[in-house]
Amino acid sequence: IDTANAPIFGIDKEGLVNEWNNKAAEITEYTKEEVIGRKLVGDFITSEYKAAVKKVLDDALKGKEAANFEFPLFTKNQD
């Protein structure tokens, strides 16, 4: 996971980040230590995508699959 060429993250059932690979850290400029335990949707997703991302993640936690769902993440510079 850490050496993957794509950003990979994981969340627990409360939506808290529990995995953040090196590519996610490179793209967002947030280290794994900075994001672990924080709310992915609340802290790192732009407002216009929060509802859609929350639904996809909630569905995924229920075992429903979503193929190739893309969404923007905030960087440290809030880009």
C-alpha atoms as a PDB file:
ATOM      1  CA  ILE A   1       0.000   0.000   0.000  1.00  0.00           C
ATOM      2  CA  ASP A   2       2.703   2.491   0.955  1.00  0.00           C
ATOM      3  CA  THR A   3       4.573   2.090  -2.340  1.00  0.00           C
ATOM      4  CA  ALA A   4       1.477   2.237  -4.576  1.00  0.00           C
ATOM      5  CA  ASN A   5       1.504   4.806  -7.359  1.00  0.00           C
ATOM      6  CA  ALA A   6      -1.987   6.024  -6.376  1.00  0.00           C
ATOM      7  CA  PRO A   7      -3.282   7.638  -3.204  1.00  0.00           C
ATOM      8  CA  ILE A   8      -4.803   5.037  -0.896  1.00  0.00           C
ATOM      9  CA  PHE A   9      -6.568   5.792   2.356  1.00  0.00           C
ATOM     10  CA  GLY A  10      -8.701   3.865   4.778  1.00  0.00           C
ATOM     11  CA  ILE A  11     -11.403   4.889   7.214  1.00  0.00           C
ATOM     12  CA  ASP A  12     -13.084   3.174  10.128  1.00  0.00           C
ATOM     13  CA  LYS A  13     -16.851   2.921  10.635  1.00  0.00           C
ATOM     14  CA  GLU A  14     -16.906   6.426  12.154  1.00  0.00           C
ATOM     15  CA  GLY A  15     -15.237   7.893   9.075  1.00  0.00           C
ATOM     16  CA  LEU A  16     -11.903   8.462  10.798  1.00  0.00           C
ATOM     17  CA  VAL A  17      -8.753   7.973   8.746  1.00  0.00           C
ATOM     18  CA  ASN A  18      -6.892   4.792   9.709  1.00  0.00           C
ATOM     19  CA  GLU A  19      -4.664   4.405   6.627  1.00  0.00           C
ATOM     20  CA  TRP A  20      -2.843   6.971   4.469  1.00  0.00           C
ATOM     21  CA  ASN A  21      -0.198   5.855   2.020  1.00  0.00           C
ATOM     22  CA  ASN A  22       2.885   7.672   0.774  1.00  0.00           C
ATOM     23  CA  LYS A  23       1.203   8.874  -2.452  1.00  0.00           C
ATOM     24  CA  ALA A  24      -1.698  10.407  -0.474  1.00  0.00           C
ATOM     25  CA  ALA A  25       0.879  12.175   1.695  1.00  0.00           C
ATOM     26  CA  GLU A  26       2.804  13.385  -1.358  1.00  0.00           C
ATOM     27  CA  ILE A  27      -0.284  14.741  -3.114  1.00  0.00           C
ATOM     28  CA  THR A  28      -1.903  16.408  -0.095  1.00  0.00           C
ATOM     29  CA  GLU A  29       1.281  17.341   1.785  1.00  0.00           C
ATOM     30  CA  TYR A  30      -0.291  15.880   4.954  1.00  0.00           C
ATOM     31  CA  THR A  31       1.753  13.159   6.616  1.00  0.00           C
ATOM     32  CA  LYS A  32       0.156   9.954   7.812  1.00  0.00           C
ATOM     33  CA  GLU A  33       0.661  11.118  11.389  1.00  0.00           C
ATOM     34  CA  GLU A  34      -1.236  14.349  10.674  1.00  0.00           C
ATOM     35  CA  VAL A  35      -4.341  12.624   9.294  1.00  0.00           C
ATOM     36  CA  ILE A  36      -4.719   9.415  11.314  1.00  0.00           C
ATOM     37  CA  GLY A  37      -7.775   9.711  13.553  1.00  0.00           C
ATOM     38  CA  ARG A  38      -9.216  12.740  11.740  1.00  0.00           C
ATOM     39  CA  LYS A  39     -12.532  12.815   9.855  1.00  0.00           C
ATOM     40  CA  LEU A  40     -11.843  12.236   6.174  1.00  0.00           C
ATOM     41  CA  VAL A  41     -15.026  13.887   4.888  1.00  0.00           C
ATOM     42  CA  GLY A  42     -15.177  16.661   7.471  1.00  0.00           C
ATOM     43  CA  ASP A  43     -11.516  17.657   7.322  1.00  0.00           C
ATOM     44  CA  PHE A  44     -10.249  16.818   3.831  1.00  0.00           C
ATOM     45  CA  ILE A  45     -13.140  16.918   1.336  1.00  0.00           C
ATOM     46  CA  THR A  46     -14.321  20.107  -0.350  1.00  0.00           C
ATOM     47  CA  SER A  47     -17.813  21.212   0.660  1.00  0.00           C
ATOM     48  CA  GLU A  48     -19.408  20.547  -2.733  1.00  0.00           C
ATOM     49  CA  TYR A  49     -18.305  16.885  -2.593  1.00  0.00           C
ATOM     50  CA  LYS A  50     -18.932  16.099   1.104  1.00  0.00           C
ATOM     51  CA  ALA A  51     -22.411  14.566   0.674  1.00  0.00           C
ATOM     52  CA  ALA A  52     -21.465  12.429  -2.338  1.00  0.00           C
ATOM     53  CA  VAL A  53     -18.231  11.191  -0.754  1.00  0.00           C
ATOM     54  CA  LYS A  54     -19.972  10.418   2.533  1.00  0.00           C
ATOM     55  CA  LYS A  55     -22.594   8.348   0.707  1.00  0.00           C
ATOM     56  CA  VAL A  56     -20.002   6.389  -1.280  1.00  0.00           C
ATOM     57  CA  LEU A  57     -17.968   5.702   1.862  1.00  0.00           C
ATOM     58  CA  ASP A  58     -21.046   4.752   3.909  1.00  0.00           C
ATOM     59  CA  ASP A  59     -22.107   2.372   1.126  1.00  0.00           C
ATOM     60  CA  ALA A  60     -18.602   0.905   0.957  1.00  0.00           C
ATOM     61  CA  LEU A  61     -18.675   0.246   4.692  1.00  0.00           C
ATOM     62  CA  LYS A  62     -21.915  -1.680   4.080  1.00  0.00           C
ATOM     63  CA  GLY A  63     -20.213  -3.785   1.414  1.00  0.00           C
ATOM     64  CA  LYS A  64     -21.503  -1.915  -1.633  1.00  0.00           C
ATOM     65  CA  GLU A  65     -18.918  -1.313  -4.323  1.00  0.00           C
ATOM     66  CA  ALA A  66     -18.203   1.969  -6.114  1.00  0.00           C
ATOM     67  CA  ALA A  67     -15.901   1.761  -9.109  1.00  0.00           C
ATOM     68  CA  ASN A  68     -13.566   4.635  -9.944  1.00  0.00           C
ATOM     69  CA  PHE A  69     -15.133   7.306  -7.770  1.00  0.00           C
ATOM     70  CA  GLU A  70     -12.965  10.422  -7.915  1.00  0.00           C
ATOM     71  CA  PHE A  71     -13.113  13.397  -5.571  1.00  0.00           C
ATOM     72  CA  PRO A  72     -10.862  16.278  -4.579  1.00  0.00           C
ATOM     73  CA  LEU A  73      -8.927  16.293  -1.317  1.00  0.00           C
ATOM     74  CA  PHE A  74      -7.702  19.425   0.403  1.00  0.00           C
ATOM     75  CA  THR A  75      -3.962  19.936   0.443  1.00  0.00           C
ATOM     76  CA  LYS A  76      -2.168  21.748   3.233  1.00  0.00           C
ATOM     77  CA  ASN A  77      -2.499  24.852   1.060  1.00  0.00           C
ATOM     78  CA  GLN A  78      -6.284  24.177   0.721  1.00  0.00           C
ATOM     79  CA  ASP A  79      -5.966  23.808  -3.050  1.00  0.00           C
END
